[in-house]
Amino acid sequence: MNFVAFANLAVLTLTNPVDAARQLMAIKPGREVLWLAFFLAVVLNCLVQVGLGNFIPTPAGQALPPPDPIYLILIRSAGAIFLSIMTFLFFGRLLGGVGSFDDIMILTVWLQYLQIAAQFLILIVTIQLPFLMLMFLLATAVLSLYVTLHFLNEAHKFGSLWKSFGVILLSGTVALLFVLMLSPAGPV
C-alpha cells in the first residue's frame, strides 16, 4: 500500500466505516506485521503526547506539572491499546460475537493511527489557534466512537450497534478500574 491508498482508506473509514472494516480485515497480515504496527502506533502515540505536552501554549502564570518520562508514556500507551484489544475481544465474545484476535487488533491499531493523525492535526492547529483545541478534541472523540461502534459490529458480526456499544461500555469499565488501581492518587 502507498500513501494514496492509506489516505483513501482513512477517508473511507470516516465516511463508511463498515466497508473500511471489511477491507482492513481482508488484508490478513501476519501476526508479525500486526505486532510491528502495534508498536509503531505506541511510539507515534508517545511522540504526539510529548508534542501536546510541550508545544501547547499555556496561560501566563499557570504552573504546569512536570512532564511524564518517555518510558512511562510508552508503557501507558502500549497498555491502553493492548487492554482495548483484549477487552473488545473478550466482551465481544461474551455478548455473542465471533471476532478473532487478529481482526480486533488490525481494526484497533488502524483506529489508533487515525487518532494519532487527528492528534497531530490538533497539535498543529492549537499552536496557532489554541481556543479551537477543545472543539477538535470533542470532534475526534465523537468520530472515534462512531468508527469503533461500526468496527466492533463488523469484527464480531453482531448485526447490532447496541451490542457494540455494550462492548465499549464494558471495556471502558474495565479500563477505568485499571486506571484507578494504577493511579497514585486513586482510592486505596
Protein backbone atom coordinates (compact mmCIF):
# COMPACT_ATOMS: atom_id res chain seq x y z
CA MET A 1 0.00 0.00 0.00
CA ASN A 2 1.16 3.50 -0.76
CA PHE A 3 0.29 6.85 0.78
CA VAL A 4 -2.66 7.42 -1.55
CA ALA A 5 -4.14 4.03 -0.62
CA PHE A 6 -3.75 4.83 3.09
CA ALA A 7 -5.34 8.25 2.60
CA ASN A 8 -8.25 6.70 0.69
CA LEU A 9 -8.71 4.10 3.43
CA ALA A 10 -8.67 6.86 6.06
CA VAL A 11 -11.38 8.78 4.19
CA LEU A 12 -13.38 5.57 3.74
CA THR A 13 -13.05 4.88 7.47
CA LEU A 14 -14.64 8.21 8.29
CA THR A 15 -17.33 8.08 5.61
CA ASN A 16 -18.16 4.35 5.55
CA PRO A 17 -16.54 2.51 8.48
CA VAL A 18 -18.31 -0.75 7.60
CA ASP A 19 -16.58 -1.03 4.22
CA ALA A 20 -13.29 0.14 5.73
CA ALA A 21 -13.51 -2.57 8.40
CA ARG A 22 -14.18 -5.21 5.75
CA GLN A 23 -11.20 -4.04 3.69
CA LEU A 24 -8.91 -3.98 6.70
CA MET A 25 -9.92 -7.46 7.85
CA ALA A 26 -9.50 -8.79 4.31
CA ILE A 27 -5.83 -7.76 4.31
CA LYS A 28 -4.99 -10.61 6.73
CA PRO A 29 -1.43 -9.53 7.56
CA GLY A 30 0.71 -11.93 9.54
CA ARG A 31 0.99 -11.65 13.31
CA GLU A 32 4.49 -10.16 12.92
CA VAL A 33 3.09 -7.30 10.85
CA LEU A 34 0.28 -6.73 13.35
CA TRP A 35 2.70 -6.53 16.27
CA LEU A 36 5.04 -4.26 14.35
CA ALA A 37 2.09 -1.99 13.52
CA PHE A 38 1.06 -2.11 17.20
CA PHE A 39 4.47 -0.99 18.44
CA LEU A 40 4.74 1.69 15.77
CA ALA A 41 1.38 3.05 16.95
CA VAL A 42 2.71 3.07 20.53
CA VAL A 43 5.80 5.07 19.53
CA LEU A 44 3.85 7.51 17.36
CA ASN A 45 1.29 7.99 20.12
CA CYS A 46 4.13 8.77 22.52
CA LEU A 47 5.60 11.36 20.14
CA VAL A 48 2.25 13.11 19.77
CA GLN A 49 1.69 13.03 23.56
CA VAL A 50 5.09 14.63 24.12
CA GLY A 51 4.30 17.20 21.42
CA LEU A 52 0.96 18.04 23.01
CA GLY A 53 2.65 18.37 26.40
CA ASN A 54 5.47 20.58 25.18
CA PHE A 55 4.04 22.74 22.41
CA ILE A 56 0.53 23.63 23.53
CA PRO A 57 0.61 27.17 24.89
CA THR A 58 -0.45 27.61 28.49
CA PRO A 59 -1.98 30.68 30.09
CA ALA A 60 0.50 33.07 31.63
CA GLY A 61 1.18 32.48 35.29
CA GLN A 62 -0.23 28.97 35.30
CA ALA A 63 2.15 26.33 36.64
CA LEU A 64 2.39 23.05 34.78
CA PRO A 65 3.09 19.71 36.41
CA PRO A 66 6.39 18.14 35.38
CA PRO A 67 6.14 16.06 32.18
CA ASP A 68 5.96 12.30 32.45
CA PRO A 69 9.09 10.38 31.47
CA ILE A 70 9.09 8.96 27.94
CA TYR A 71 9.24 5.35 29.13
CA LEU A 72 6.11 5.88 31.23
CA ILE A 73 4.23 7.34 28.26
CA LEU A 74 5.31 4.35 26.13
CA ILE A 75 4.20 1.83 28.78
CA ARG A 76 0.90 3.60 29.34
CA SER A 77 0.22 3.80 25.59
CA ALA A 78 1.08 0.13 24.97
CA GLY A 79 -1.03 -0.93 27.94
CA ALA A 80 -4.03 1.13 26.87
CA ILE A 81 -4.00 -0.14 23.29
CA PHE A 82 -3.46 -3.76 24.34
CA LEU A 83 -6.16 -3.51 27.01
CA SER A 84 -8.55 -2.15 24.37
CA ILE A 85 -7.83 -5.07 22.07
CA MET A 86 -8.27 -7.68 24.79
CA THR A 87 -11.43 -6.19 26.29
CA PHE A 88 -13.00 -5.65 22.88
CA LEU A 89 -12.29 -9.30 22.09
CA PHE A 90 -13.41 -10.69 25.48
CA PHE A 91 -16.59 -8.67 25.91
CA GLY A 92 -17.46 -9.02 22.24
CA ARG A 93 -17.37 -12.79 22.56
CA LEU A 94 -19.22 -12.59 25.86
CA LEU A 95 -22.05 -10.82 24.02
CA GLY A 96 -22.14 -13.45 21.26
CA GLY A 97 -19.56 -12.04 18.85
CA VAL A 98 -17.22 -14.13 16.75
CA GLY A 99 -14.35 -11.70 16.16
CA SER A 100 -10.80 -13.02 16.08
CA PHE A 101 -7.80 -11.52 17.86
CA ASP A 102 -6.23 -10.56 14.52
CA ASP A 103 -9.39 -8.80 13.30
CA ILE A 104 -9.82 -6.82 16.53
CA MET A 105 -6.12 -5.98 16.55
CA ILE A 106 -5.95 -4.67 12.98
CA LEU A 107 -9.07 -2.55 13.46
CA THR A 108 -7.90 -1.16 16.81
CA VAL A 109 -4.41 -0.38 15.56
CA TRP A 110 -5.80 1.29 12.42
CA LEU A 111 -8.09 3.41 14.60
CA GLN A 112 -5.03 4.32 16.69
CA TYR A 113 -3.26 5.56 13.57
CA LEU A 114 -6.23 7.73 12.69
CA GLN A 115 -6.39 9.10 16.23
CA ILE A 116 -2.66 9.85 16.14
CA ALA A 117 -3.14 11.73 12.87
CA ALA A 118 -6.05 13.64 14.41
CA GLN A 119 -3.97 14.49 17.50
CA PHE A 120 -1.14 15.71 15.27
CA LEU A 121 -3.58 17.96 13.39
CA ILE A 122 -4.94 19.20 16.72
CA LEU A 123 -1.39 19.98 17.82
CA ILE A 124 -0.70 21.96 14.65
CA VAL A 125 -3.99 23.86 14.81
CA THR A 126 -3.84 24.67 18.51
CA ILE A 127 -0.33 26.06 18.31
CA GLN A 128 -1.82 28.78 16.13
CA LEU A 129 -5.41 28.85 17.45
CA PRO A 130 -5.47 27.40 21.00
CA PHE A 131 -9.15 28.21 21.53
CA LEU A 132 -10.10 25.55 18.92
CA MET A 133 -8.43 22.69 20.81
CA LEU A 134 -11.48 21.62 22.80
CA MET A 135 -13.72 21.62 19.72
CA PHE A 136 -11.26 19.45 17.78
CA LEU A 137 -10.81 17.04 20.70
CA LEU A 138 -14.58 16.64 21.03
CA ALA A 139 -14.99 16.05 17.29
CA THR A 140 -12.21 13.45 17.38
CA ALA A 141 -13.86 11.65 20.31
CA VAL A 142 -17.26 11.54 18.60
CA LEU A 143 -15.79 10.28 15.31
CA SER A 144 -13.72 7.67 17.17
CA LEU A 145 -16.82 6.38 18.93
CA TYR A 146 -18.74 6.25 15.64
CA VAL A 147 -15.98 4.32 13.88
CA THR A 148 -15.36 1.99 16.84
CA LEU A 149 -19.05 1.07 17.02
CA HIS A 150 -19.04 0.03 13.37
CA PHE A 151 -15.64 -1.69 13.57
CA LEU A 152 -16.75 -3.84 16.52
CA ASN A 153 -20.06 -4.61 14.83
CA GLU A 154 -18.23 -5.86 11.72
CA ALA A 155 -15.50 -7.75 13.56
CA HIS A 156 -17.92 -9.59 15.84
CA LYS A 157 -20.71 -9.94 13.25
CA PHE A 158 -23.23 -8.62 15.78
CA GLY A 159 -25.72 -7.08 13.38
CA SER A 160 -26.45 -4.55 16.13
CA LEU A 161 -24.65 -1.36 17.07
CA TRP A 162 -26.20 -1.69 20.53
CA LYS A 163 -24.10 -4.78 21.22
CA SER A 164 -21.05 -2.87 20.03
CA PHE A 165 -21.98 -0.07 22.40
CA GLY A 166 -22.26 -2.63 25.20
CA VAL A 167 -18.75 -3.88 24.41
CA ILE A 168 -17.44 -0.32 24.59
CA LEU A 169 -19.19 0.34 27.91
CA LEU A 170 -17.93 -2.90 29.48
CA SER A 171 -14.42 -2.27 28.14
CA GLY A 172 -14.49 1.26 29.50
CA THR A 173 -15.49 -0.02 32.92
CA VAL A 174 -12.50 -2.37 33.00
CA ALA A 175 -10.19 0.38 31.77
CA LEU A 176 -11.48 2.74 34.47
CA LEU A 177 -10.80 0.14 37.16
CA PHE A 178 -7.21 -0.28 35.93
CA VAL A 179 -6.65 3.48 35.80
CA LEU A 180 -7.92 3.86 39.36
CA MET A 181 -5.77 0.96 40.55
CA LEU A 182 -2.61 2.30 38.94
CA SER A 183 -3.15 5.94 39.78
CA PRO A 184 -1.03 7.07 42.74
CA ALA A 185 -3.78 9.48 43.82
CA GLY A 186 -6.53 6.90 43.30
CA PRO A 187 -8.55 5.22 46.03
CA VAL A 188 -6.69 2.86 48.29
